[in-house]
Protein backbone atom coordinates (compact mmCIF):
# COMPACT_ATOMS: atom_id res chain seq x y z
CA MET A 1 19.89 -2.83 16.17
CA GLN A 2 16.15 -2.34 16.53
CA PRO A 3 16.14 1.07 14.81
CA TRP A 4 12.37 1.48 14.78
CA ARG A 5 10.83 4.24 16.84
CA PHE A 6 7.09 4.70 17.28
CA PHE A 7 5.49 8.11 17.69
CA ILE A 8 1.82 7.66 18.61
CA VAL A 9 -0.48 10.42 17.39
CA GLU A 10 -3.81 10.20 19.21
CA SER A 11 -4.83 13.65 20.43
CA LYS A 12 -6.90 15.96 18.24
CA GLU A 13 -4.14 18.57 18.45
CA ALA A 14 -1.45 16.18 17.25
CA LYS A 15 -3.73 14.84 14.49
CA GLU A 16 -4.26 18.40 13.24
CA LYS A 17 -0.49 18.89 13.05
CA LEU A 18 -0.29 15.70 10.99
CA ARG A 19 -3.12 16.63 8.57
CA PRO A 20 -1.17 19.06 6.32
CA VAL A 21 1.58 16.53 5.61
CA LEU A 22 -0.78 13.74 4.52
CA TYR A 23 -1.57 13.43 0.82
CA GLY A 24 -4.79 11.59 1.65
CA ASN A 25 -6.05 9.15 4.26
CA HIS A 26 -7.93 11.89 6.09
CA LEU A 27 -10.71 9.39 6.88
CA GLN A 28 -8.18 7.26 8.76
CA LEU A 29 -6.78 10.34 10.48
CA ASP A 30 -10.24 11.45 11.59
CA THR A 31 -11.64 8.08 12.65
CA SER A 32 -8.73 5.95 13.86
CA SER A 33 -7.88 5.62 17.52
CA ALA A 34 -4.29 6.50 16.69
CA MET A 35 -1.85 7.06 13.89
CA ILE A 36 1.40 5.26 14.63
CA LEU A 37 4.31 7.03 12.97
CA ILE A 38 7.17 4.63 12.41
CA PHE A 39 10.59 6.21 12.08
CA THR A 40 14.09 4.80 11.85
CA ASP A 41 16.74 6.09 14.24
CA LEU A 42 19.98 7.00 12.48
CA LYS A 43 21.75 6.65 15.83
CA LYS A 44 20.60 3.05 16.26
CA TYR A 45 24.15 1.90 16.97
CA ASP A 46 24.13 3.99 20.16
CA TYR A 47 21.89 1.24 21.56
CA ALA A 48 24.21 -1.67 20.74
CA GLU A 49 25.73 -1.89 24.20
CA LYS A 50 22.33 -1.73 25.90
CA ILE A 51 20.91 -4.43 23.60
CA TYR A 52 23.85 -6.79 24.05
CA ASP A 53 24.03 -6.16 27.81
CA LYS A 54 20.39 -7.15 28.06
CA ALA A 55 21.05 -10.28 25.98
CA VAL A 56 23.89 -11.29 28.31
CA GLU A 57 21.84 -10.55 31.46
CA SER A 58 18.97 -12.65 30.06
CA GLY A 59 21.30 -15.56 29.41
CA LEU A 60 20.75 -15.35 25.66
CA MET A 61 24.32 -14.41 24.78
CA PRO A 62 27.72 -15.23 26.29
CA GLU A 63 29.87 -12.27 27.34
CA GLU A 64 32.57 -13.10 24.76
CA VAL A 65 30.01 -12.94 21.94
CA ARG A 66 28.83 -9.56 23.26
CA GLU A 67 32.40 -8.26 23.20
CA LYS A 68 33.00 -9.56 19.68
CA GLN A 69 29.74 -8.08 18.38
CA LEU A 70 30.45 -4.68 19.92
CA ARG A 71 33.97 -4.68 18.45
CA ASN A 72 32.59 -5.56 15.01
CA ILE A 73 29.97 -2.82 15.21
CA SER A 74 32.55 -0.29 16.37
CA ASN A 75 34.77 -1.12 13.39
CA MET A 76 31.87 -1.19 10.93
CA ILE A 77 29.98 2.00 11.74
CA HIS A 78 32.80 4.18 10.47
CA THR A 79 32.44 2.61 7.02
CA LEU A 80 28.70 3.25 6.66
CA ASP A 81 27.26 6.34 5.06
CA GLU A 82 24.11 7.94 6.43
CA HIS A 83 22.06 7.00 3.37
CA GLN A 84 22.83 3.29 3.82
CA VAL A 85 22.00 3.45 7.54
CA GLU A 86 18.69 5.13 6.65
CA MET A 87 17.84 2.57 3.95
CA ASP A 88 18.66 -0.36 6.26
CA GLY A 89 16.52 1.22 8.96
CA LYS A 90 13.61 1.70 6.58
CA LEU A 91 13.78 -1.97 5.67
CA ASP A 92 13.69 -2.89 9.36
CA GLY A 93 10.88 -0.38 9.93
CA GLY A 94 8.79 -1.95 7.17
CA LEU A 95 9.24 -5.38 8.70
CA VAL A 96 8.22 -4.20 12.17
CA ALA A 97 5.21 -2.38 10.66
CA MET A 98 4.02 -5.62 9.08
CA GLN A 99 4.45 -7.45 12.40
CA LEU A 100 2.55 -4.68 14.19
CA MET A 101 -0.32 -4.93 11.71
CA HIS A 102 -0.54 -8.72 12.05
CA ILE A 103 -0.50 -8.55 15.86
CA ALA A 104 -3.13 -5.79 15.84
CA ARG A 105 -5.38 -7.96 13.64
CA GLU A 106 -4.93 -10.91 16.02
CA HIS A 107 -6.16 -8.68 18.83
CA GLY A 108 -9.22 -7.51 16.87
CA TYR A 109 -7.91 -4.16 15.63
CA ASP A 110 -7.93 -2.87 12.09
CA THR A 111 -4.98 -1.10 10.51
CA CYS A 112 -4.05 0.75 7.36
CA SER A 113 -0.49 1.26 6.18
CA ILE A 114 0.08 4.77 4.87
CA GLY A 115 3.04 5.89 2.79
CA GLY A 116 1.39 8.89 1.17
CA PHE A 117 2.75 11.80 3.16
CA LYS A 118 5.40 14.48 2.85
CA HIS A 119 8.36 12.53 4.18
CA GLU A 120 10.58 15.61 4.31
CA LEU A 121 8.09 17.57 6.46
CA ILE A 122 6.46 15.08 8.83
CA ALA A 123 9.11 15.09 11.58
CA ASP A 124 9.29 18.87 11.84
CA ALA A 125 5.48 19.17 11.77
CA LEU A 126 5.31 17.11 14.95
CA GLY A 127 8.45 18.39 16.68
CA ILE A 128 10.48 15.23 16.01
CA ASP A 129 14.24 15.56 15.46
CA SER A 130 14.41 15.31 11.64
CA LYS A 131 18.20 14.95 11.61
CA ARG A 132 18.11 11.82 13.76
CA TYR A 133 14.77 10.21 12.86
CA LYS A 134 13.69 9.40 9.29
CA PRO A 135 10.10 8.41 8.48
CA VAL A 136 9.26 4.91 7.31
CA MET A 137 5.46 4.85 7.24
CA ILE A 138 2.31 5.52 9.19
CA VAL A 139 -0.03 2.83 10.47
CA SER A 140 -3.53 3.88 11.46
CA ILE A 141 -5.10 1.64 14.09
CA GLY A 142 -8.54 1.26 15.60
CA LYS A 143 -11.77 -0.69 15.25
CA ALA A 144 -13.38 -0.26 11.84
CA ALA A 145 -16.96 1.03 11.94
CA GLU A 146 -17.64 -0.73 8.65
CA GLU A 147 -15.96 -3.35 6.50
CA GLY A 148 -13.29 -1.99 4.16
CA HIS A 149 -13.33 -2.79 0.47
CA PRO A 150 -11.62 -5.99 -0.62
CA SER A 151 -8.28 -5.71 -2.37
CA VAL A 152 -6.64 -7.74 -5.10
CA ARG A 153 -3.06 -8.70 -5.73
CA LEU A 154 -1.22 -9.26 -8.97
CA ASP A 155 -0.72 -12.87 -10.03
CA ILE A 156 2.60 -14.47 -9.17
CA GLU A 157 3.52 -14.46 -12.87
CA ASP A 158 3.37 -10.67 -12.82
CA ILE A 159 5.70 -10.16 -9.88
CA ALA A 160 8.13 -13.09 -9.72
CA TYR A 161 10.85 -13.89 -12.23
CA TRP A 162 12.62 -17.23 -12.21
CA MET A 163 16.21 -17.20 -13.47
């Protein structure tokens, strides 16, 4: 249901509103072209009809599939609790963040994923509806003035378990 929503923080004023809710990453805040706040929309199902209408209009979906999908969603949404909708949206938001970072790199931009912030305060600090939108992460974006430090990853034996 494409629950991701992007709030682009680029003005000095907006960046100053963001500063108190960050645990760190002030260098990225001060030097990046923008901080992209990725939120999940708890009312993502409100867009189902629009999404499926567009799919039908584009010739990507037959009308009968649209009708079936909308019926299924209508029946399902009453069984979901808000926490599950939020968790599903955060998963989707993480996936779209990764895609965004890869595409930015392809176009010559540098990014940094940021999860260290006060999740419960960020929406209100920027005037975002905190009942509807839940934070996923922040991605800073711009052109690095200097090369960042290399990173390492754990070996596969440390993170994967075969059963």
